[in-house]
Amino acid sequence: IEISPLDEKIRSEYGIRATKGVLISK
């Protein structure tokens, strides 16, 4: 797995409301 932080760009791209945790991007 590859991980990305839950910054505003990622949250907007994936439509995520959560602010805590890390995103599995790949």
PDB file of all heavy atoms in Angstrom:
ATOM      1  N   ILE A   1       0.834  -1.200   0.000  1.00  0.00           N
ATOM      2  CA  ILE A   1       0.000   0.000   0.000  1.00  0.00           C
ATOM      3  C   ILE A   1       0.870   1.253   0.000  1.00  0.00           C
ATOM      4  O   ILE A   1       1.979   1.259   0.534  1.00  0.00           O
ATOM      5  CB  ILE A   1      -0.955   0.053   1.214  1.00  0.00           C
ATOM      6  CG1 ILE A   1      -0.172  -0.023   2.533  1.00  0.00           C
ATOM      7  CG2 ILE A   1      -1.975  -1.075   1.142  1.00  0.00           C
ATOM      8  CD1 ILE A   1      -1.029   0.117   3.770  1.00  0.00           C
ATOM      9  N   GLU A   2       0.339   2.316  -0.608  1.00  0.00           N
ATOM     10  CA  GLU A   2       0.952   3.633  -0.540  1.00  0.00           C
ATOM     11  C   GLU A   2      -0.004   4.565   0.188  1.00  0.00           C
ATOM     12  O   GLU A   2      -1.224   4.493   0.004  1.00  0.00           O
ATOM     13  CB  GLU A   2       1.264   4.164  -1.940  1.00  0.00           C
ATOM     14  CG  GLU A   2       2.334   3.348  -2.671  1.00  0.00           C
ATOM     15  CD  GLU A   2       2.710   3.950  -4.001  1.00  0.00           C
ATOM     16  OE1 GLU A   2       2.712   5.213  -4.108  1.00  0.00           O
ATOM     17  OE2 GLU A   2       2.998   3.188  -4.949  1.00  0.00           O
ATOM     18  N   ILE A   3       0.566   5.438   1.014  1.00  0.00           N
ATOM     19  CA  ILE A   3      -0.228   6.244   1.947  1.00  0.00           C
ATOM     20  C   ILE A   3      -0.076   7.733   1.638  1.00  0.00           C
ATOM     21  O   ILE A   3       1.005   8.196   1.272  1.00  0.00           O
ATOM     22  CB  ILE A   3       0.220   5.964   3.403  1.00  0.00           C
ATOM     23  CG1 ILE A   3       0.020   4.501   3.750  1.00  0.00           C
ATOM     24  CG2 ILE A   3      -0.540   6.842   4.382  1.00  0.00           C
ATOM     25  CD1 ILE A   3      -1.421   4.033   3.711  1.00  0.00           C
ATOM     26  N   SER A   4      -1.174   8.467   1.808  1.00  0.00           N
ATOM     27  CA  SER A   4      -1.170   9.923   1.652  1.00  0.00           C
ATOM     28  C   SER A   4      -1.841  10.564   2.866  1.00  0.00           C
ATOM     29  O   SER A   4      -2.719   9.959   3.483  1.00  0.00           O
ATOM     30  CB  SER A   4      -1.918  10.342   0.385  1.00  0.00           C
ATOM     31  OG  SER A   4      -1.299   9.810  -0.767  1.00  0.00           O
ATOM     32  N   PRO A   5      -1.438  11.790   3.214  1.00  0.00           N
ATOM     33  CA  PRO A   5      -2.073  12.471   4.351  1.00  0.00           C
ATOM     34  C   PRO A   5      -3.460  12.976   3.985  1.00  0.00           C
ATOM     35  O   PRO A   5      -3.769  13.211   2.806  1.00  0.00           O
ATOM     36  CB  PRO A   5      -1.124  13.644   4.625  1.00  0.00           C
ATOM     37  CG  PRO A   5      -0.484  13.912   3.301  1.00  0.00           C
ATOM     38  CD  PRO A   5      -0.349  12.587   2.620  1.00  0.00           C
ATOM     39  N   LEU A   6      -4.306  13.156   4.982  1.00  0.00           N
ATOM     40  CA  LEU A   6      -5.664  13.662   4.746  1.00  0.00           C
ATOM     41  C   LEU A   6      -5.657  15.190   4.726  1.00  0.00           C
ATOM     42  O   LEU A   6      -6.274  15.854   5.579  1.00  0.00           O
ATOM     43  CB  LEU A   6      -6.621  13.145   5.822  1.00  0.00           C
ATOM     44  CG  LEU A   6      -7.084  11.692   5.704  1.00  0.00           C
ATOM     45  CD1 LEU A   6      -8.061  11.357   6.823  1.00  0.00           C
ATOM     46  CD2 LEU A   6      -7.736  11.440   4.359  1.00  0.00           C
ATOM     47  N   ASP A   7      -4.965  15.779   3.751  1.00  0.00           N
ATOM     48  CA  ASP A   7      -4.984  17.233   3.629  1.00  0.00           C
ATOM     49  C   ASP A   7      -6.231  17.658   2.837  1.00  0.00           C
ATOM     50  O   ASP A   7      -7.019  16.822   2.381  1.00  0.00           O
ATOM     51  CB  ASP A   7      -3.709  17.734   2.966  1.00  0.00           C
ATOM     52  CG  ASP A   7      -3.429  17.063   1.623  1.00  0.00           C
ATOM     53  OD1 ASP A   7      -4.390  16.600   0.979  1.00  0.00           O
ATOM     54  OD2 ASP A   7      -2.251  16.979   1.230  1.00  0.00           O
ATOM     55  N   GLU A   8      -6.410  18.943   2.691  1.00  0.00           N
ATOM     56  CA  GLU A   8      -7.622  19.452   2.034  1.00  0.00           C
ATOM     57  C   GLU A   8      -7.742  18.952   0.597  1.00  0.00           C
ATOM     58  O   GLU A   8      -8.844  18.653   0.112  1.00  0.00           O
ATOM     59  CB  GLU A   8      -7.623  20.987   2.068  1.00  0.00           C
ATOM     60  CG  GLU A   8      -7.929  21.562   3.443  1.00  0.00           C
ATOM     61  CD  GLU A   8      -8.133  23.071   3.380  1.00  0.00           C
ATOM     62  OE1 GLU A   8      -8.491  23.572   2.293  1.00  0.00           O
ATOM     63  OE2 GLU A   8      -7.941  23.720   4.402  1.00  0.00           O
ATOM     64  N   LYS A   9      -6.625  18.890  -0.110  1.00  0.00           N
ATOM     65  CA  LYS A   9      -6.644  18.452  -1.500  1.00  0.00           C
ATOM     66  C   LYS A   9      -7.142  17.018  -1.611  1.00  0.00           C
ATOM     67  O   LYS A   9      -8.013  16.697  -2.441  1.00  0.00           O
ATOM     68  CB  LYS A   9      -5.253  18.581  -2.098  1.00  0.00           C
ATOM     69  CG  LYS A   9      -5.168  18.154  -3.558  1.00  0.00           C
ATOM     70  CD  LYS A   9      -3.744  18.285  -4.084  1.00  0.00           C
ATOM     71  CE  LYS A   9      -3.664  17.790  -5.527  1.00  0.00           C
ATOM     72  NZ  LYS A   9      -2.279  17.882  -6.057  1.00  0.00           N
ATOM     73  N   ILE A  10      -6.595  16.130  -0.777  1.00  0.00           N
ATOM     74  CA  ILE A  10      -6.985  14.717  -0.797  1.00  0.00           C
ATOM     75  C   ILE A  10      -8.446  14.567  -0.395  1.00  0.00           C
ATOM     76  O   ILE A  10      -9.216  13.815  -1.016  1.00  0.00           O
ATOM     77  CB  ILE A  10      -6.080  13.895   0.138  1.00  0.00           C
ATOM     78  CG1 ILE A  10      -4.660  13.807  -0.439  1.00  0.00           C
ATOM     79  CG2 ILE A  10      -6.650  12.503   0.371  1.00  0.00           C
ATOM     80  CD1 ILE A  10      -4.542  12.975  -1.687  1.00  0.00           C
ATOM     81  N   ARG A  11      -8.874  15.280   0.648  1.00  0.00           N
ATOM     82  CA  ARG A  11     -10.246  15.169   1.123  1.00  0.00           C
ATOM     83  C   ARG A  11     -11.230  15.631   0.053  1.00  0.00           C
ATOM     84  O   ARG A  11     -12.300  15.048  -0.133  1.00  0.00           O
ATOM     85  CB  ARG A  11     -10.421  15.974   2.400  1.00  0.00           C
ATOM     86  CG  ARG A  11      -9.671  15.387   3.605  1.00  0.00           C
ATOM     87  CD  ARG A  11      -9.671  16.336   4.779  1.00  0.00           C
ATOM     88  NE  ARG A  11     -11.011  16.672   5.186  1.00  0.00           N
ATOM     89  CZ  ARG A  11     -11.343  17.792   5.831  1.00  0.00           C
ATOM     90  NH1 ARG A  11     -10.411  18.696   6.091  1.00  0.00           N
ATOM     91  NH2 ARG A  11     -12.585  18.009   6.175  1.00  0.00           N
ATOM     92  N   SER A  12     -10.850  16.707  -0.663  1.00  0.00           N
ATOM     93  CA  SER A  12     -11.719  17.214  -1.727  1.00  0.00           C
ATOM     94  C   SER A  12     -11.762  16.239  -2.905  1.00  0.00           C
ATOM     95  O   SER A  12     -12.824  15.987  -3.475  1.00  0.00           O
ATOM     96  CB  SER A  12     -11.212  18.579  -2.191  1.00  0.00           C
ATOM     97  OG  SER A  12     -11.967  19.039  -3.289  1.00  0.00           O
ATOM     98  N   GLU A  13     -10.614  15.667  -3.251  1.00  0.00           N
ATOM     99  CA  GLU A  13     -10.529  14.749  -4.389  1.00  0.00           C
ATOM    100  C   GLU A  13     -11.355  13.500  -4.168  1.00  0.00           C
ATOM    101  O   GLU A  13     -12.013  12.996  -5.091  1.00  0.00           O
ATOM    102  CB  GLU A  13      -9.069  14.396  -4.641  1.00  0.00           C
ATOM    103  CG  GLU A  13      -8.845  13.445  -5.813  1.00  0.00           C
ATOM    104  CD  GLU A  13      -7.380  13.108  -6.009  1.00  0.00           C
ATOM    105  OE1 GLU A  13      -6.516  13.828  -5.454  1.00  0.00           O
ATOM    106  OE2 GLU A  13      -7.087  12.115  -6.712  1.00  0.00           O
ATOM    107  N   TYR A  14     -11.311  12.970  -2.918  1.00  0.00           N
ATOM    108  CA  TYR A  14     -12.008  11.717  -2.628  1.00  0.00           C
ATOM    109  C   TYR A  14     -13.370  11.948  -1.964  1.00  0.00           C
ATOM    110  O   TYR A  14     -14.082  10.987  -1.659  1.00  0.00           O
ATOM    111  CB  TYR A  14     -11.150  10.839  -1.711  1.00  0.00           C
ATOM    112  CG  TYR A  14      -9.991  10.171  -2.408  1.00  0.00           C
ATOM    113  CD1 TYR A  14      -8.771  10.816  -2.550  1.00  0.00           C
ATOM    114  CD2 TYR A  14     -10.118   8.887  -2.937  1.00  0.00           C
ATOM    115  CE1 TYR A  14      -7.701  10.203  -3.184  1.00  0.00           C
ATOM    116  CE2 TYR A  14      -9.057   8.263  -3.576  1.00  0.00           C
ATOM    117  CZ  TYR A  14      -7.852   8.932  -3.701  1.00  0.00           C
ATOM    118  OH  TYR A  14      -6.788   8.322  -4.339  1.00  0.00           O
ATOM    119  N   GLY A  15     -13.741  13.208  -1.726  1.00  0.00           N
ATOM    120  CA  GLY A  15     -15.023  13.489  -1.077  1.00  0.00           C
ATOM    121  C   GLY A  15     -15.079  12.965   0.344  1.00  0.00           C
ATOM    122  O   GLY A  15     -16.101  12.424   0.778  1.00  0.00           O
ATOM    123  N   ILE A  16     -13.993  13.152   1.075  1.00  0.00           N
ATOM    124  CA  ILE A  16     -13.881  12.617   2.439  1.00  0.00           C
ATOM    125  C   ILE A  16     -14.161  13.722   3.457  1.00  0.00           C
ATOM    126  O   ILE A  16     -13.636  14.841   3.343  1.00  0.00           O
ATOM    127  CB  ILE A  16     -12.473  12.030   2.670  1.00  0.00           C
ATOM    128  CG1 ILE A  16     -12.244  10.844   1.734  1.00  0.00           C
ATOM    129  CG2 ILE A  16     -12.293  11.619   4.120  1.00  0.00           C
ATOM    130  CD1 ILE A  16     -10.819  10.337   1.758  1.00  0.00           C
ATOM    131  N   ARG A  17     -14.969  13.408   4.445  1.00  0.00           N
ATOM    132  CA  ARG A  17     -15.264  14.365   5.517  1.00  0.00           C
ATOM    133  C   ARG A  17     -14.344  14.174   6.715  1.00  0.00           C
ATOM    134  O   ARG A  17     -14.138  15.103   7.490  1.00  0.00           O
ATOM    135  CB  ARG A  17     -16.723  14.223   5.958  1.00  0.00           C
ATOM    136  CG  ARG A  17     -17.729  14.506   4.842  1.00  0.00           C
ATOM    137  CD  ARG A  17     -19.147  14.219   5.304  1.00  0.00           C
ATOM    138  NE  ARG A  17     -19.527  15.047   6.443  1.00  0.00           N
ATOM    139  CZ  ARG A  17     -20.681  14.938   7.089  1.00  0.00           C
ATOM    140  NH1 ARG A  17     -21.563  14.032   6.700  1.00  0.00           N
ATOM    141  NH2 ARG A  17     -20.958  15.734   8.101  1.00  0.00           N
ATOM    142  N   ALA A  18     -13.817  12.988   6.871  1.00  0.00           N
ATOM    143  CA  ALA A  18     -12.963  12.689   8.028  1.00  0.00           C
ATOM    144  C   ALA A  18     -11.697  13.538   7.986  1.00  0.00           C
ATOM    145  O   ALA A  18     -11.150  13.832   6.922  1.00  0.00           O
ATOM    146  CB  ALA A  18     -12.603  11.209   8.044  1.00  0.00           C
ATOM    147  N   THR A  19     -11.219  13.926   9.163  1.00  0.00           N
ATOM    148  CA  THR A  19      -9.998  14.733   9.265  1.00  0.00           C
ATOM    149  C   THR A  19      -8.857  13.982   9.931  1.00  0.00           C
ATOM    150  O   THR A  19      -7.725  14.467   9.953  1.00  0.00           O
ATOM    151  CB  THR A  19     -10.270  16.014  10.070  1.00  0.00           C
ATOM    152  OG1 THR A  19     -10.752  15.660  11.380  1.00  0.00           O
ATOM    153  CG2 THR A  19     -11.295  16.882   9.369  1.00  0.00           C
ATOM    154  N   LYS A  20      -9.151  12.810  10.499  1.00  0.00           N
ATOM    155  CA  LYS A  20      -8.114  12.024  11.175  1.00  0.00           C
ATOM    156  C   LYS A  20      -7.920  10.694  10.466  1.00  0.00           C
ATOM    157  O   LYS A  20      -8.879  10.085  10.002  1.00  0.00           O
ATOM    158  CB  LYS A  20      -8.483  11.799  12.639  1.00  0.00           C
ATOM    159  CG  LYS A  20      -8.457  13.067  13.474  1.00  0.00           C
ATOM    160  CD  LYS A  20      -8.727  12.776  14.935  1.00  0.00           C
ATOM    161  CE  LYS A  20      -8.642  14.056  15.760  1.00  0.00           C
ATOM    162  NZ  LYS A  20      -8.888  13.782  17.207  1.00  0.00           N
ATOM    163  N   GLY A  21      -6.669  10.252  10.426  1.00  0.00           N
ATOM    164  CA  GLY A  21      -6.327   9.019   9.749  1.00  0.00           C
ATOM    165  C   GLY A  21      -5.410   9.286   8.576  1.00  0.00           C
ATOM    166  O   GLY A  21      -4.965  10.427   8.347  1.00  0.00           O
ATOM    167  N   VAL A  22      -5.090   8.257   7.815  1.00  0.00           N
ATOM    168  CA  VAL A  22      -4.298   8.389   6.591  1.00  0.00           C
ATOM    169  C   VAL A  22      -5.019   7.652   5.474  1.00  0.00           C
ATOM    170  O   VAL A  22      -5.724   6.667   5.714  1.00  0.00           O
ATOM    171  CB  VAL A  22      -2.862   7.843   6.768  1.00  0.00           C
ATOM    172  CG1 VAL A  22      -2.087   8.670   7.770  1.00  0.00           C
ATOM    173  CG2 VAL A  22      -2.880   6.371   7.182  1.00  0.00           C
ATOM    174  N   LEU A  23      -4.820   8.121   4.250  1.00  0.00           N
ATOM    175  CA  LEU A  23      -5.526   7.573   3.097  1.00  0.00           C
ATOM    176  C   LEU A  23      -4.667   6.557   2.360  1.00  0.00           C
ATOM    177  O   LEU A  23      -3.481   6.779   2.132  1.00  0.00           O
ATOM    178  CB  LEU A  23      -5.900   8.698   2.133  1.00  0.00           C
ATOM    179  CG  LEU A  23      -6.665   8.256   0.876  1.00  0.00           C
ATOM    180  CD1 LEU A  23      -8.143   8.171   1.190  1.00  0.00           C
ATOM    181  CD2 LEU A  23      -6.407   9.210  -0.286  1.00  0.00           C
ATOM    182  N   ILE A  24      -5.262   5.408   2.014  1.00  0.00           N
ATOM    183  CA  ILE A  24      -4.602   4.461   1.126  1.00  0.00           C
ATOM    184  C   ILE A  24      -4.814   4.973  -0.299  1.00  0.00           C
ATOM    185  O   ILE A  24      -5.925   4.925  -0.826  1.00  0.00           O
ATOM    186  CB  ILE A  24      -5.174   3.042   1.286  1.00  0.00           C
ATOM    187  CG1 ILE A  24      -4.944   2.541   2.720  1.00  0.00           C
ATOM    188  CG2 ILE A  24      -4.533   2.094   0.287  1.00  0.00           C
ATOM    189  CD1 ILE A  24      -5.538   1.179   2.998  1.00  0.00           C
ATOM    190  N   SER A  25      -3.747   5.503  -0.916  1.00  0.00           N
ATOM    191  CA  SER A  25      -3.873   6.140  -2.231  1.00  0.00           C
ATOM    192  C   SER A  25      -3.612   5.165  -3.376  1.00  0.00           C
ATOM    193  O   SER A  25      -4.217   5.285  -4.440  1.00  0.00           O
ATOM    194  CB  SER A  25      -2.920   7.328  -2.335  1.00  0.00           C
ATOM    195  OG  SER A  25      -1.587   6.930  -2.053  1.00  0.00           O
ATOM    196  N   LYS A  26      -2.723   4.202  -3.197  1.00  0.00           N
ATOM    197  CA  LYS A  26      -2.419   3.215  -4.221  1.00  0.00           C
ATOM    198  C   LYS A  26      -2.223   1.856  -3.584  1.00  0.00           C
ATOM    199  O   LYS A  26      -1.829   1.752  -2.416  1.00  0.00           O
ATOM    200  CB  LYS A  26      -1.155   3.597  -5.003  1.00  0.00           C
ATOM    201  CG  LYS A  26      -1.284   4.862  -5.833  1.00  0.00           C
ATOM    202  CD  LYS A  26       0.009   5.131  -6.597  1.00  0.00           C
ATOM    203  CE  LYS A  26      -0.095   6.422  -7.412  1.00  0.00           C
ATOM    204  NZ  LYS A  26       1.165   6.710  -8.144  1.00  0.00           N
TER     205      LYS A  26
END
